[in-house]
C-alpha atoms as a PDB file:
ATOM      1  CA  MET A   1      -7.891  10.784   9.112  1.00  0.00           C
ATOM      2  CA  PRO A   2      -6.706   7.059   9.999  1.00  0.00           C
ATOM      3  CA  THR A   3      -8.719   5.811   6.784  1.00  0.00           C
ATOM      4  CA  ALA A   4      -6.941   8.325   4.606  1.00  0.00           C
ATOM      5  CA  ARG A   5      -3.669   7.627   6.040  1.00  0.00           C
ATOM      6  CA  LEU A   6      -3.920   3.762   5.703  1.00  0.00           C
ATOM      7  CA  LEU A   7      -4.944   4.111   2.075  1.00  0.00           C
ATOM      8  CA  CYS A   8      -1.763   6.235   1.444  1.00  0.00           C
ATOM      9  CA  VAL A   9       0.359   3.679   3.131  1.00  0.00           C
ATOM     10  CA  SER A  10      -1.491   0.737   1.230  1.00  0.00           C
ATOM     11  CA  LEU A  11      -0.940   2.472  -2.085  1.00  0.00           C
ATOM     12  CA  VAL A  12       2.995   3.025  -1.356  1.00  0.00           C
ATOM     13  CA  VAL A  13       3.407  -0.384  -0.321  1.00  0.00           C
ATOM     14  CA  ALA A  14       1.397  -1.634  -3.497  1.00  0.00           C
ATOM     15  CA  SER A  15       3.950  -0.149  -5.543  1.00  0.00           C
ATOM     16  CA  ALA A  16       7.030  -1.064  -3.613  1.00  0.00           C
ATOM     17  CA  LEU A  17       5.976  -4.790  -4.368  1.00  0.00           C
ATOM     18  CA  SER A  18       5.758  -3.940  -8.321  1.00  0.00           C
ATOM     19  CA  SER A  19       8.953  -6.312  -8.935  1.00  0.00           C
ATOM     20  CA  ALA A  20       8.207  -9.172  -6.582  1.00  0.00           C
ATOM     21  CA  PRO A  21       8.022 -11.857  -9.386  1.00  0.00           C
ATOM     22  CA  ALA A  22      11.679 -10.756 -10.668  1.00  0.00           C
ATOM     23  CA  TRP A  23      13.089 -11.045  -7.312  1.00  0.00           C
ATOM     24  CA  ALA A  24      11.223 -14.589  -6.544  1.00  0.00           C
ATOM     25  CA  ALA A  25      12.762 -15.673  -9.843  1.00  0.00           C
ATOM     26  CA  GLU A  26      16.543 -15.365  -8.855  1.00  0.00           C
ATOM     27  CA  PRO A  27      18.011 -18.820  -7.912  1.00  0.00           C
ATOM     28  CA  ALA A  28      19.906 -17.105  -5.069  1.00  0.00           C
ATOM     29  CA  PRO A  29      18.364 -17.171  -1.606  1.00  0.00           C
ATOM     30  CA  ALA A  30      15.655 -14.627  -0.819  1.00  0.00           C
ATOM     31  CA  ARG A  31      16.740 -11.222   0.165  1.00  0.00           C
ATOM     32  CA  THR A  32      14.494  -8.891   2.405  1.00  0.00           C
ATOM     33  CA  LEU A  33      14.038  -5.353   1.454  1.00  0.00           C
ATOM     34  CA  ASP A  34      13.490  -2.497   4.243  1.00  0.00           C
ATOM     35  CA  LEU A  35      12.077   0.713   3.185  1.00  0.00           C
ATOM     36  CA  THR A  36      11.479   3.784   5.239  1.00  0.00           C
ATOM     37  CA  TYR A  37       8.859   6.452   4.183  1.00  0.00           C
ATOM     38  CA  ASP A  38       8.149   9.849   5.729  1.00  0.00           C
ATOM     39  CA  VAL A  39       4.674  11.367   5.255  1.00  0.00           C
ATOM     40  CA  TYR A  40       4.119  15.112   4.814  1.00  0.00           C
ATOM     41  CA  LEU A  41       0.687  17.168   5.026  1.00  0.00           C
ATOM     42  CA  GLY A  42       1.037  20.613   3.833  1.00  0.00           C
ATOM     43  CA  GLY A  43       4.737  20.525   4.746  1.00  0.00           C
ATOM     44  CA  LEU A  44       4.448  19.093   8.165  1.00  0.00           C
ATOM     45  CA  HIS A  45       5.788  15.758   9.028  1.00  0.00           C
ATOM     46  CA  ILE A  46       2.888  13.568  10.285  1.00  0.00           C
ATOM     47  CA  PHE A  47       3.882  10.035   9.891  1.00  0.00           C
ATOM     48  CA  THR A  48       6.600   7.633   9.331  1.00  0.00           C
ATOM     49  CA  PHE A  49       6.322   4.047   8.340  1.00  0.00           C
ATOM     50  CA  ASP A  50       8.550   1.085   7.754  1.00  0.00           C
ATOM     51  CA  VAL A  51       7.989  -1.776   5.035  1.00  0.00           C
ATOM     52  CA  ASP A  52       9.685  -5.078   4.975  1.00  0.00           C
ATOM     53  CA  MET A  53       9.197  -7.253   2.187  1.00  0.00           C
ATOM     54  CA  ALA A  54      10.491 -10.956   2.418  1.00  0.00           C
ATOM     55  CA  LEU A  55      10.000 -12.862  -1.044  1.00  0.00           C
ATOM     56  CA  GLN A  56      10.434 -16.626  -2.035  1.00  0.00           C
ATOM     57  CA  PRO A  57       9.864 -18.408  -5.340  1.00  0.00           C
ATOM     58  CA  ASP A  58       6.226 -19.231  -4.533  1.00  0.00           C
ATOM     59  CA  ARG A  59       5.242 -17.410  -1.528  1.00  0.00           C
ATOM     60  CA  TYR A  60       5.325 -13.645  -0.092  1.00  0.00           C
ATOM     61  CA  ARG A  61       5.044 -12.135   3.048  1.00  0.00           C
ATOM     62  CA  VAL A  62       4.907  -8.313   3.615  1.00  0.00           C
ATOM     63  CA  THR A  63       4.576  -6.212   6.699  1.00  0.00           C
ATOM     64  CA  ALA A  64       4.274  -2.330   6.965  1.00  0.00           C
ATOM     65  CA  GLU A  65       4.235  -0.477  10.444  1.00  0.00           C
ATOM     66  CA  GLY A  66       4.219   3.092  11.262  1.00  0.00           C
ATOM     67  CA  GLY A  67       2.705   5.811  13.679  1.00  0.00           C
ATOM     68  CA  THR A  68       2.049   9.569  13.687  1.00  0.00           C
ATOM     69  CA  GLN A  69       4.959  12.122  14.367  1.00  0.00           C
ATOM     70  CA  GLY A  70       5.646  15.241  15.759  1.00  0.00           C
ATOM     71  CA  MET A  71       2.766  17.750  16.893  1.00  0.00           C
ATOM     72  CA  VAL A  72       0.207  15.621  14.791  1.00  0.00           C
ATOM     73  CA  GLY A  73       1.376  12.433  17.023  1.00  0.00           C
ATOM     74  CA  TRP A  74       0.945  14.405  20.104  1.00  0.00           C
ATOM     75  CA  LEU A  75      -2.677  15.848  19.084  1.00  0.00           C
ATOM     76  CA  TYR A  76      -3.624  12.695  17.215  1.00  0.00           C
ATOM     77  CA  GLY A  77      -2.004   9.251  18.319  1.00  0.00           C
ATOM     78  CA  TRP A  78      -2.337   6.494  15.829  1.00  0.00           C
ATOM     79  CA  GLN A  79       0.005   3.250  15.358  1.00  0.00           C
ATOM     80  CA  THR A  80      -0.626   0.923  13.015  1.00  0.00           C
ATOM     81  CA  ARG A  81       0.854  -2.464  11.807  1.00  0.00           C
ATOM     82  CA  LEU A  82      -0.227  -4.515   8.718  1.00  0.00           C
ATOM     83  CA  ALA A  83       0.945  -7.765   7.414  1.00  0.00           C
ATOM     84  CA  ALA A  84       0.183  -9.825   4.463  1.00  0.00           C
ATOM     85  CA  GLU A  85       1.108 -13.406   2.841  1.00  0.00           C
ATOM     86  CA  GLY A  86       0.009 -15.715   0.358  1.00  0.00           C
ATOM     87  CA  ARG A  87       1.044 -17.846  -2.731  1.00  0.00           C
ATOM     88  CA  ASP A  88       2.470 -16.936  -6.090  1.00  0.00           C
ATOM     89  CA  ARG A  89       1.245 -19.529  -8.696  1.00  0.00           C
ATOM     90  CA  ASN A  90       3.216 -18.546 -11.666  1.00  0.00           C
ATOM     91  CA  GLY A  91       1.745 -14.963 -11.701  1.00  0.00           C
ATOM     92  CA  ARG A  92      -1.670 -15.719 -10.151  1.00  0.00           C
ATOM     93  CA  ILE A  93      -1.301 -13.967  -6.594  1.00  0.00           C
ATOM     94  CA  GLU A  94      -3.500 -15.897  -4.111  1.00  0.00           C
ATOM     95  CA  PRO A  95      -3.610 -13.971  -0.586  1.00  0.00           C
ATOM     96  CA  GLN A  96      -4.174 -16.151   2.459  1.00  0.00           C
ATOM     97  CA  ARG A  97      -4.073 -13.862   5.303  1.00  0.00           C
ATOM     98  CA  TYR A  98      -4.236 -10.034   6.034  1.00  0.00           C
ATOM     99  CA  ASP A  99      -3.818  -8.710   9.471  1.00  0.00           C
ATOM    100  CA  VAL A 100      -4.180  -5.134  10.834  1.00  0.00           C
ATOM    101  CA  GLU A 101      -3.476  -3.940  14.458  1.00  0.00           C
ATOM    102  CA  SER A 102      -4.344  -0.384  15.347  1.00  0.00           C
ATOM    103  CA  ASN A 103      -4.511   1.891  17.847  1.00  0.00           C
ATOM    104  CA  TRP A 104      -6.169   5.224  16.971  1.00  0.00           C
ATOM    105  CA  GLN A 105      -6.177   7.662  20.292  1.00  0.00           C
ATOM    106  CA  GLY A 106      -5.773   4.720  22.607  1.00  0.00           C
ATOM    107  CA  ASN A 107      -8.520   2.685  21.060  1.00  0.00           C
ATOM    108  CA  PRO A 108      -6.943  -0.584  19.793  1.00  0.00           C
ATOM    109  CA  ARG A 109      -8.455  -2.500  17.033  1.00  0.00           C
ATOM    110  CA  THR A 110      -7.459  -5.474  15.368  1.00  0.00           C
ATOM    111  CA  VAL A 111      -8.710  -7.060  11.797  1.00  0.00           C
ATOM    112  CA  HIS A 112      -7.950 -10.959  10.631  1.00  0.00           C
ATOM    113  CA  LEU A 113      -8.973 -11.621   7.400  1.00  0.00           C
ATOM    114  CA  GLY A 114      -8.412 -15.303   5.818  1.00  0.00           C
ATOM    115  CA  PHE A 115      -9.153 -15.825   1.933  1.00  0.00           C
ATOM    116  CA  ALA A 116     -10.333 -19.146   0.810  1.00  0.00           C
ATOM    117  CA  GLU A 117     -11.474 -20.571  -2.520  1.00  0.00           C
ATOM    118  CA  GLY A 118     -14.597 -19.929  -4.250  1.00  0.00           C
ATOM    119  CA  GLY A 119     -14.888 -16.409  -2.906  1.00  0.00           C
ATOM    120  CA  ARG A 120     -15.196 -17.217   0.630  1.00  0.00           C
ATOM    121  CA  TYR A 121     -13.519 -15.597   3.519  1.00  0.00           C
ATOM    122  CA  ASP A 122     -13.178 -15.582   7.182  1.00  0.00           C
ATOM    123  CA  LEU A 123     -13.108 -12.320   9.069  1.00  0.00           C
ATOM    124  CA  GLU A 124     -12.588 -11.495  12.568  1.00  0.00           C
ATOM    125  CA  ARG A 125     -12.980  -7.731  13.955  1.00  0.00           C
ATOM    126  CA  THR A 126     -11.721  -6.884  17.552  1.00  0.00           C
ATOM    127  CA  PRO A 127     -13.851  -5.186  18.719  1.00  0.00           C
ATOM    128  CA  PRO A 128     -16.651  -6.066  16.657  1.00  0.00           C
ATOM    129  CA  PRO A 129     -17.975  -2.972  14.691  1.00  0.00           C
ATOM    130  CA  GLU A 130     -21.280  -1.398  15.986  1.00  0.00           C
ATOM    131  CA  PRO A 131     -23.870  -0.357  13.440  1.00  0.00           C
ATOM    132  CA  ASP A 132     -23.270   2.730  11.441  1.00  0.00           C
ATOM    133  CA  PRO A 133     -25.860   4.495   9.255  1.00  0.00           C
ATOM    134  CA  ASP A 134     -22.710   6.215   7.412  1.00  0.00           C
ATOM    135  CA  ILE A 135     -21.522   3.228   6.017  1.00  0.00           C
ATOM    136  CA  GLU A 136     -22.564   2.351   2.644  1.00  0.00           C
ATOM    137  CA  GLY A 137     -23.410  -1.187   1.897  1.00  0.00           C
ATOM    138  CA  GLY A 138     -22.482  -4.302   4.059  1.00  0.00           C
ATOM    139  CA  LEU A 139     -19.782  -6.946   3.989  1.00  0.00           C
ATOM    140  CA  PRO A 140     -19.782  -8.573   0.475  1.00  0.00           C
ATOM    141  CA  GLU A 141     -21.441 -12.137   0.372  1.00  0.00           C
ATOM    142  CA  SER A 142     -18.638 -13.363  -1.645  1.00  0.00           C
ATOM    143  CA  LEU A 143     -15.509 -12.113  -3.128  1.00  0.00           C
ATOM    144  CA  PRO A 144     -14.491 -11.849  -7.065  1.00  0.00           C
ATOM    145  CA  ASP A 145     -11.985 -13.941  -8.669  1.00  0.00           C
ATOM    146  CA  GLY A 146      -8.614 -12.288  -8.394  1.00  0.00           C
ATOM    147  CA  ILE A 147      -9.240 -10.591  -5.055  1.00  0.00           C
ATOM    148  CA  VAL A 148      -6.567  -9.213  -2.990  1.00  0.00           C
ATOM    149  CA  ASP A 149      -5.824  -7.376   0.243  1.00  0.00           C
ATOM    150  CA  PRO A 150      -4.119  -4.026   0.102  1.00  0.00           C
ATOM    151  CA  LEU A 151      -0.637  -5.013   0.763  1.00  0.00           C
ATOM    152  CA  SER A 152      -0.928  -8.008  -1.816  1.00  0.00           C
ATOM    153  CA  LEU A 153      -2.419  -5.616  -4.267  1.00  0.00           C
ATOM    154  CA  ALA A 154       1.128  -4.996  -5.986  1.00  0.00           C
ATOM    155  CA  VAL A 155       2.469  -8.728  -6.312  1.00  0.00           C
ATOM    156  CA  ALA A 156      -0.718  -8.828  -8.380  1.00  0.00           C
ATOM    157  CA  VAL A 157      -0.265  -6.012 -10.556  1.00  0.00           C
ATOM    158  CA  SER A 158       3.499  -6.693 -10.858  1.00  0.00           C
ATOM    159  CA  ARG A 159       3.025  -8.880 -13.950  1.00  0.00           C
ATOM    160  CA  ALA A 160       1.800  -6.048 -16.100  1.00  0.00           C
ATOM    161  CA  LEU A 161       4.969  -4.159 -15.108  1.00  0.00           C
ATOM    162  CA  GLN A 162       7.321  -6.975 -15.578  1.00  0.00           C
ATOM    163  CA  GLU A 163       5.866  -7.630 -19.137  1.00  0.00           C
ATOM    164  CA  ASN A 164       5.761  -4.320 -20.679  1.00  0.00           C
ATOM    165  CA  GLY A 165       7.202  -1.734 -18.197  1.00  0.00           C
ATOM    166  CA  ARG A 166       3.618   0.078 -17.644  1.00  0.00           C
ATOM    167  CA  CYS A 167       1.267  -0.084 -14.706  1.00  0.00           C
ATOM    168  CA  ASP A 168      -1.876  -0.135 -16.392  1.00  0.00           C
ATOM    169  CA  GLN A 169      -4.371  -2.541 -14.787  1.00  0.00           C
ATOM    170  CA  THR A 170      -7.609  -2.721 -12.652  1.00  0.00           C
ATOM    171  CA  VAL A 171      -7.364  -4.953  -9.448  1.00  0.00           C
ATOM    172  CA  PRO A 172     -10.169  -5.838  -7.063  1.00  0.00           C
ATOM    173  CA  VAL A 173      -9.388  -5.384  -3.507  1.00  0.00           C
ATOM    174  CA  PHE A 174     -11.073  -6.048  -0.022  1.00  0.00           C
ATOM    175  CA  ASP A 175      -9.840  -4.944   3.257  1.00  0.00           C
ATOM    176  CA  GLY A 176     -12.051  -6.460   5.704  1.00  0.00           C
ATOM    177  CA  GLN A 177     -14.452  -3.608   5.683  1.00  0.00           C
ATOM    178  CA  ARG A 178     -14.003  -1.461   2.229  1.00  0.00           C
ATOM    179  CA  ARG A 179     -14.297  -3.485  -1.016  1.00  0.00           C
ATOM    180  CA  TYR A 180     -13.240  -1.297  -4.074  1.00  0.00           C
ATOM    181  CA  ASP A 181     -11.409  -1.754  -7.328  1.00  0.00           C
ATOM    182  CA  LEU A 182      -8.033   0.010  -7.922  1.00  0.00           C
ATOM    183  CA  THR A 183      -7.141   1.313 -11.031  1.00  0.00           C
ATOM    184  CA  LEU A 184      -3.494   2.166 -11.914  1.00  0.00           C
ATOM    185  CA  THR A 185      -2.483   4.179 -15.091  1.00  0.00           C
ATOM    186  CA  HIS A 186       0.869   4.700 -16.676  1.00  0.00           C
ATOM    187  CA  ILE A 187       1.689   8.478 -17.295  1.00  0.00           C
ATOM    188  CA  ASP A 188       5.054   9.042 -18.279  1.00  0.00           C
ATOM    189  CA  GLU A 189       9.123   9.065 -17.618  1.00  0.00           C
ATOM    190  CA  ALA A 190      10.155  12.104 -15.290  1.00  0.00           C
ATOM    191  CA  THR A 191      13.235  13.281 -13.418  1.00  0.00           C
ATOM    192  CA  LEU A 192      13.142  13.856  -9.618  1.00  0.00           C
ATOM    193  CA  PRO A 193      15.378  16.694  -8.507  1.00  0.00           C
ATOM    194  CA  PRO A 194      17.705  16.537  -5.704  1.00  0.00           C
ATOM    195  CA  SER A 195      15.580  16.791  -2.167  1.00  0.00           C
ATOM    196  CA  GLU A 196      16.575  17.148   1.360  1.00  0.00           C
ATOM    197  CA  TYR A 197      13.351  14.894   2.264  1.00  0.00           C
ATOM    198  CA  SER A 198      14.629  12.120  -0.416  1.00  0.00           C
ATOM    199  CA  VAL A 199      17.347   9.708  -0.479  1.00  0.00           C
ATOM    200  CA  TYR A 200      16.550   9.413  -4.271  1.00  0.00           C
ATOM    201  CA  GLN A 201      16.919  12.120  -7.098  1.00  0.00           C
ATOM    202  CA  GLY A 202      17.085  11.105 -10.966  1.00  0.00           C
ATOM    203  CA  PRO A 203      14.543   9.258 -13.592  1.00  0.00           C
ATOM    204  CA  ALA A 204      11.627   7.560 -12.248  1.00  0.00           C
ATOM    205  CA  VAL A 205       8.200   5.985 -14.115  1.00  0.00           C
ATOM    206  CA  ARG A 206       4.806   7.835 -13.168  1.00  0.00           C
ATOM    207  CA  CYS A 207       1.585   6.186 -12.523  1.00  0.00           C
ATOM    208  CA  SER A 208      -1.793   7.435 -11.053  1.00  0.00           C
ATOM    209  CA  PHE A 209      -4.612   5.813  -8.984  1.00  0.00           C
ATOM    210  CA  SER A 210      -8.052   5.919  -9.004  1.00  0.00           C
ATOM    211  CA  MET A 211     -10.371   4.184  -6.877  1.00  0.00           C
ATOM    212  CA  LYS A 212     -13.937   2.739  -7.516  1.00  0.00           C
ATOM    213  CA  ARG A 213     -15.585   2.597  -4.236  1.00  0.00           C
ATOM    214  CA  ILE A 214     -18.133  -0.397  -3.966  1.00  0.00           C
ATOM    215  CA  SER A 215     -19.063  -0.810  -0.297  1.00  0.00           C
ATOM    216  CA  GLY A 216     -17.867  -0.151   3.214  1.00  0.00           C
ATOM    217  CA  PHE A 217     -17.109   3.471   2.855  1.00  0.00           C
ATOM    218  CA  ARG A 218     -18.788   6.349   4.498  1.00  0.00           C
ATOM    219  CA  LYS A 219     -21.491   8.064   2.781  1.00  0.00           C
ATOM    220  CA  SER A 220     -20.529  11.442   4.527  1.00  0.00           C
ATOM    221  CA  TRP A 221     -17.201  11.275   2.228  1.00  0.00           C
ATOM    222  CA  LYS A 222     -19.362  11.761  -1.091  1.00  0.00           C
ATOM    223  CA  SER A 223     -20.941  14.888   0.565  1.00  0.00           C
ATOM    224  CA  LYS A 224     -17.805  16.542   1.429  1.00  0.00           C
ATOM    225  CA  ARG A 225     -16.475  16.426  -2.347  1.00  0.00           C
ATOM    226  CA  GLN A 226     -17.644  19.107  -4.655  1.00  0.00           C
ATOM    227  CA  PRO A 227     -19.483  18.180  -7.961  1.00  0.00           C
ATOM    228  CA  ASP A 228     -16.930  19.904  -9.921  1.00  0.00           C
ATOM    229  CA  ASP A 229     -13.988  18.619  -7.768  1.00  0.00           C
ATOM    230  CA  LYS A 230     -11.106  18.353 -10.579  1.00  0.00           C
ATOM    231  CA  SER A 231      -8.077  17.410  -8.364  1.00  0.00           C
ATOM    232  CA  SER A 232      -5.545  15.290  -9.624  1.00  0.00           C
ATOM    233  CA  PRO A 233      -5.399  11.741  -9.036  1.00  0.00           C
ATOM    234  CA  PRO A 234      -2.624  10.140  -6.489  1.00  0.00           C
ATOM    235  CA  THR A 235       0.614   9.937  -8.555  1.00  0.00           C
ATOM    236  CA  ILE A 236       3.540   7.606  -7.636  1.00  0.00           C
ATOM    237  CA  TRP A 237       7.116   7.784  -8.772  1.00  0.00           C
ATOM    238  CA  VAL A 238       8.829   4.435  -9.244  1.00  0.00           C
ATOM    239  CA  ALA A 239      12.552   3.990  -9.762  1.00  0.00           C
ATOM    240  CA  PRO A 240      15.544   1.480  -9.047  1.00  0.00           C
ATOM    241  CA  ILE A 241      17.642   3.055  -6.385  1.00  0.00           C
ATOM    242  CA  ARG A 242      20.426   0.773  -6.996  1.00  0.00           C
ATOM    243  CA  ALA A 243      21.418  -0.780 -10.299  1.00  0.00           C
ATOM    244  CA  ASP A 244      21.151  -4.326  -9.234  1.00  0.00           C
ATOM    245  CA  LEU A 245      17.642  -3.659  -7.470  1.00  0.00           C
ATOM    246  CA  PRO A 246      14.231  -3.690  -8.670  1.00  0.00           C
ATOM    247  CA  PRO A 247      12.252  -0.707  -8.668  1.00  0.00           C
ATOM    248  CA  VAL A 248      10.781   0.916  -5.701  1.00  0.00           C
ATOM    249  CA  PRO A 249       8.615   3.797  -5.038  1.00  0.00           C
ATOM    250  CA  VAL A 250      10.370   6.919  -4.198  1.00  0.00           C
ATOM    251  CA  ARG A 251       7.618   9.738  -4.086  1.00  0.00           C
ATOM    252  CA  TYR A 252       3.829   9.846  -3.588  1.00  0.00           C
ATOM    253  CA  ASP A 253       1.763  12.801  -4.477  1.00  0.00           C
ATOM    254  CA  GLY A 254      -2.137  12.792  -3.246  1.00  0.00           C
ATOM    255  CA  ALA A 255      -4.843  14.853  -1.818  1.00  0.00           C
ATOM    256  CA  ILE A 256      -6.894  14.357   1.145  1.00  0.00           C
ATOM    257  CA  ALA A 257      -9.554  16.624   2.574  1.00  0.00           C
ATOM    258  CA  LEU A 258      -6.939  18.389   4.931  1.00  0.00           C
ATOM    259  CA  GLY A 259      -4.529  19.110   1.974  1.00  0.00           C
ATOM    260  CA  ASN A 260      -1.785  17.787  -0.011  1.00  0.00           C
ATOM    261  CA  ILE A 261       0.041  14.695   1.114  1.00  0.00           C
ATOM    262  CA  VAL A 262       3.661  13.825  -0.199  1.00  0.00           C
ATOM    263  CA  ILE A 263       5.543  10.850   0.910  1.00  0.00           C
ATOM    264  CA  HIS A 264       9.314  10.708   0.468  1.00  0.00           C
ATOM    265  CA  LEU A 265      11.803   7.462   0.500  1.00  0.00           C
ATOM    266  CA  THR A 266      13.880   8.128   3.456  1.00  0.00           C
ATOM    267  CA  LYS A 267      15.849   5.025   3.546  1.00  0.00           C
ATOM    268  CA  ALA A 268      16.366   1.574   1.769  1.00  0.00           C
ATOM    269  CA  GLN A 269      18.339  -1.249   3.083  1.00  0.00           C
ATOM    270  CA  VAL A 270      18.884  -4.611   1.397  1.00  0.00           C
ATOM    271  CA  ARG A 271      19.248  -7.606   3.934  1.00  0.00           C
ATOM    272  CA  ALA A 272      20.542 -11.216   2.946  1.00  0.00           C
ATOM    273  CA  GLY A 273      18.163 -14.019   4.354  1.00  0.00           C
ATOM    274  CA  THR A 274      16.596 -12.045   7.448  1.00  0.00           C
ATOM    275  CA  ASP A 275      19.318 -10.710   9.391  1.00  0.00           C
ATOM    276  CA  GLU A 276      22.475  -9.719   7.489  1.00  0.00           C
ATOM    277  CA  ALA A 277      22.182  -6.175   6.111  1.00  0.00           C
ATOM    278  CA  VAL A 278      24.313  -6.008   2.917  1.00  0.00           C
ATOM    279  CA  ALA A 279      23.765  -2.721   1.371  1.00  0.00           C
ATOM    280  CA  ASP A 280      22.125   0.786   2.100  1.00  0.00           C
END
């Protein structure tokens, strides 16, 4: 369950950063965008997470923090905090650090991943992982050019959105254990109706996600999928929630083994600099 939820968080955060270059190009001081999302599984509120994005002309820093809610939180306690930072060299995204702090059922774990030139990386995991025969493939010896972490993902794909308004792109990703390629595909434009769960209604762009698993995933995951599984790929709706703001994700639909997951945007706030709240 933690892996599935973490992937959903990563996908939504990824799309949230899709307009980072446009923000970075503004001559005004950098602003911070605060977003809150509620995650529902089969209609049950199971998770809430907050995303903070601080963008500068040549650098970025993103954090995402959340935990289980309601009855699910009482039965399965999970809290996590992710942070990523790196450089934006005229559209070439170079992640430097990716950190994860999580606590699943009273078991704290941390991941500190540092990226270096030439496909090299530094990795520290606490506690050190024990050998697990269910994990397919070990850690990569080196990383391909253009690799990003899950939070830096959208800063990398944003150039395609900025250039042609579409989200078509494939990006290599590494999170300290799992190595995969994430492909984003443009679907169409749609209109979201009013909902008591979301703060947004109106036109939005729909994009889908698909993942090519390379290493670090559980073999048992494959055995749980049916050969004729034709479930729809995860879909995300992206829209500007205010005329002077860039698009952000406003809805996410996907499926895991336990059922359908829907994520709603429940709050959005802009802060000038790092403190002053200027708009809701």
